[in-house]
Protein backbone atom coordinates (compact mmCIF):
# COMPACT_ATOMS: atom_id res chain seq x y z
CA MET A 1 30.21 -0.41 47.74
CA PHE A 2 27.03 -1.88 46.36
CA ARG A 3 26.30 -1.97 42.71
CA ILE A 4 22.70 -2.09 41.57
CA GLU A 5 22.11 -3.74 38.22
CA THR A 6 19.42 -2.14 36.10
CA PRO A 7 17.94 -4.15 33.28
CA SER A 8 18.76 -2.90 29.81
CA LEU A 9 15.86 -1.29 28.02
CA LEU A 10 17.47 -1.79 24.64
CA PRO A 11 15.97 -5.21 23.89
CA HIS A 12 12.50 -4.05 24.93
CA THR A 13 12.88 -0.76 23.06
CA THR A 14 14.11 -2.59 19.99
CA ARG A 15 11.14 -4.95 20.07
CA VAL A 16 8.72 -2.04 20.44
CA LEU A 17 10.38 -0.19 17.56
CA ILE A 18 10.24 -3.24 15.29
CA ALA A 19 6.59 -3.83 16.17
CA ALA A 20 5.80 -0.18 15.41
CA LEU A 21 7.58 -0.35 12.05
CA VAL A 22 5.76 -3.56 11.12
CA ALA A 23 2.43 -1.96 12.08
CA LEU A 24 3.24 1.16 10.05
CA PHE A 25 4.22 -0.95 7.02
CA THR A 26 1.02 -2.99 7.35
CA VAL A 27 -1.12 0.17 7.51
CA ALA A 28 0.69 1.63 4.49
CA CYS A 29 0.15 -1.57 2.49
CA ALA A 30 -3.50 -1.71 3.51
CA GLY A 31 -3.92 1.94 2.48
CA GLN A 32 -2.37 1.27 -0.92
CA ALA A 33 -4.57 -1.80 -1.40
CA MET A 34 -7.67 0.21 -0.48
CA GLN A 35 -6.78 2.95 -2.96
CA THR A 36 -6.23 0.40 -5.73
CA GLU A 37 -9.50 -1.38 -4.92
CA ARG A 38 -11.42 1.91 -5.00
CA MET A 39 -10.01 2.68 -8.44
CA LEU A 40 -10.85 -0.83 -9.65
CA ALA A 41 -14.45 -0.44 -8.48
CA ALA A 42 -14.70 3.01 -10.08
CA ALA A 43 -13.36 1.59 -13.35
CA GLY A 44 -16.12 -1.02 -13.46
CA PHE A 45 -14.47 -4.09 -11.95
CA GLN A 46 -16.87 -6.37 -10.10
CA MET A 47 -15.95 -7.42 -6.57
CA ARG A 48 -16.54 -11.04 -5.61
CA MET A 49 -16.16 -11.94 -1.94
CA ALA A 50 -14.34 -15.07 -0.83
CA ASP A 51 -17.15 -15.94 1.58
CA THR A 52 -16.35 -19.63 2.03
CA PRO A 53 -13.13 -21.33 3.16
CA GLU A 54 -12.85 -22.99 -0.25
CA LYS A 55 -13.06 -19.66 -2.10
CA LEU A 56 -10.54 -18.09 0.27
CA ALA A 57 -8.10 -20.99 -0.24
CA ARG A 58 -8.44 -20.67 -4.01
CA LEU A 59 -8.07 -16.88 -3.81
CA ALA A 60 -4.86 -17.25 -1.80
CA LYS A 61 -3.31 -19.30 -4.63
CA LEU A 62 -3.65 -16.40 -7.09
CA THR A 63 -1.08 -13.64 -7.55
CA GLN A 64 -1.89 -11.15 -4.81
CA ARG A 65 -2.67 -7.44 -5.29
CA GLU A 66 -1.62 -7.32 -8.93
CA LEU A 67 -3.82 -7.10 -12.01
CA MET A 68 -3.43 -10.27 -14.03
CA PRO A 69 -4.98 -11.15 -17.41
CA LYS A 70 -6.95 -14.43 -17.49
CA MET A 71 -8.79 -16.16 -20.31
CA LYS A 72 -12.26 -17.50 -19.50
CA ASP A 73 -14.78 -18.77 -22.03
CA ASP A 74 -12.75 -17.34 -24.93
CA SER A 75 -12.79 -13.85 -23.46
CA LEU A 76 -10.06 -11.88 -21.73
CA ARG A 77 -10.70 -10.82 -18.14
CA TYR A 78 -8.47 -9.06 -15.66
CA VAL A 79 -8.40 -10.22 -12.05
CA TYR A 80 -7.07 -8.66 -8.88
CA ALA A 81 -6.89 -10.97 -5.87
CA ASP A 82 -6.63 -9.77 -2.28
CA ALA A 83 -6.78 -12.65 0.19
CA GLU A 84 -5.33 -10.60 3.05
CA TYR A 85 -7.26 -7.32 3.34
CA CYS A 86 -10.64 -7.48 1.61
CA LYS A 87 -10.67 -11.25 1.05
CA CYS A 88 -12.09 -10.61 -2.39
CA LEU A 89 -11.48 -10.89 -6.10
CA TYR A 90 -12.01 -8.05 -8.57
CA VAL A 91 -12.88 -9.11 -12.12
CA GLY A 92 -13.03 -6.73 -15.06
CA THR A 93 -13.24 -6.60 -18.83
CA GLU A 94 -10.75 -5.04 -21.22
CA LYS A 95 -12.81 -1.84 -21.14
CA ALA A 96 -12.69 -1.73 -17.32
CA TYR A 97 -8.94 -2.38 -17.46
CA GLN A 98 -8.45 0.56 -19.84
CA ARG A 99 -10.43 2.85 -17.50
CA TYR A 100 -8.42 1.62 -14.51
CA SER A 101 -5.16 2.30 -16.41
CA ARG A 102 -6.26 5.89 -17.06
CA TYR A 103 -7.23 6.35 -13.38
CA ALA A 104 -3.90 4.89 -12.23
CA LEU A 105 -1.98 7.19 -14.59
CA LYS A 106 -3.89 10.22 -13.34
CA GLN A 107 -3.25 9.19 -9.72
CA SER A 108 0.45 8.78 -10.50
CA GLN A 109 0.54 12.28 -11.98
CA VAL A 110 -1.27 13.69 -8.95
CA ASN A 111 1.23 12.00 -6.63
CA ALA A 112 4.17 13.34 -8.68
CA ASN A 113 2.72 16.86 -8.63
CA LEU A 114 2.19 16.65 -4.88
CA ALA A 115 5.76 15.47 -4.32
CA ALA A 116 7.09 18.28 -6.53
CA ALA A 117 5.00 20.87 -4.68
CA GLN A 118 6.30 19.62 -1.33
CA MET A 119 9.89 19.74 -2.60
CA ASN A 120 9.37 23.29 -3.89
CA GLU A 121 7.89 24.34 -0.56
CA ASP A 122 10.82 22.83 1.33
CA ALA A 123 13.31 24.50 -1.03
CA SER A 124 11.66 27.90 -0.56
CA LEU A 125 12.06 27.85 3.21
CA ASP A 126 15.04 29.67 4.68
CA TRP A 127 16.50 26.79 6.66
CA GLY A 128 19.55 28.87 7.62
CA MET A 129 17.50 30.99 10.02
CA TRP A 130 17.09 27.97 12.29
CA GLY A 131 20.80 27.74 12.98
CA PRO A 132 22.91 24.60 13.20
CA TRP A 133 21.10 21.26 13.30
CA GLY A 134 23.26 19.27 15.66
CA PRO A 135 26.92 18.48 16.14
CA TRP A 136 27.60 17.63 12.50
CA TYR A 137 27.34 21.29 11.43
């Protein structure tokens, strides 16, 4: 009797799954960064591109994708560095920071309302009409 060995697809499938999850995570992070950068621009932050290797190297040393207060010429500025996606620096005043904070709070409330609405919609469905959902029921 001959036995034919078939290669296992598990390692390949696992690699594909990991690559897909990494890609999904990267897209989600990029989407979040884009949303934050849009709100920063709307709040009055000025975008400065890291258009030289020196600027990009300096940008990469800053805290990434987080608003940080910085003192410059005896005035407070807020900076948001993104060396990975937009390769830029957003700089804003206290007034721009206050506007951004209001926008971020409103966006947070919108997201919470959306999540609550989705939960209410799910709760209102009659899931029992679909019958058992697998061997664990």
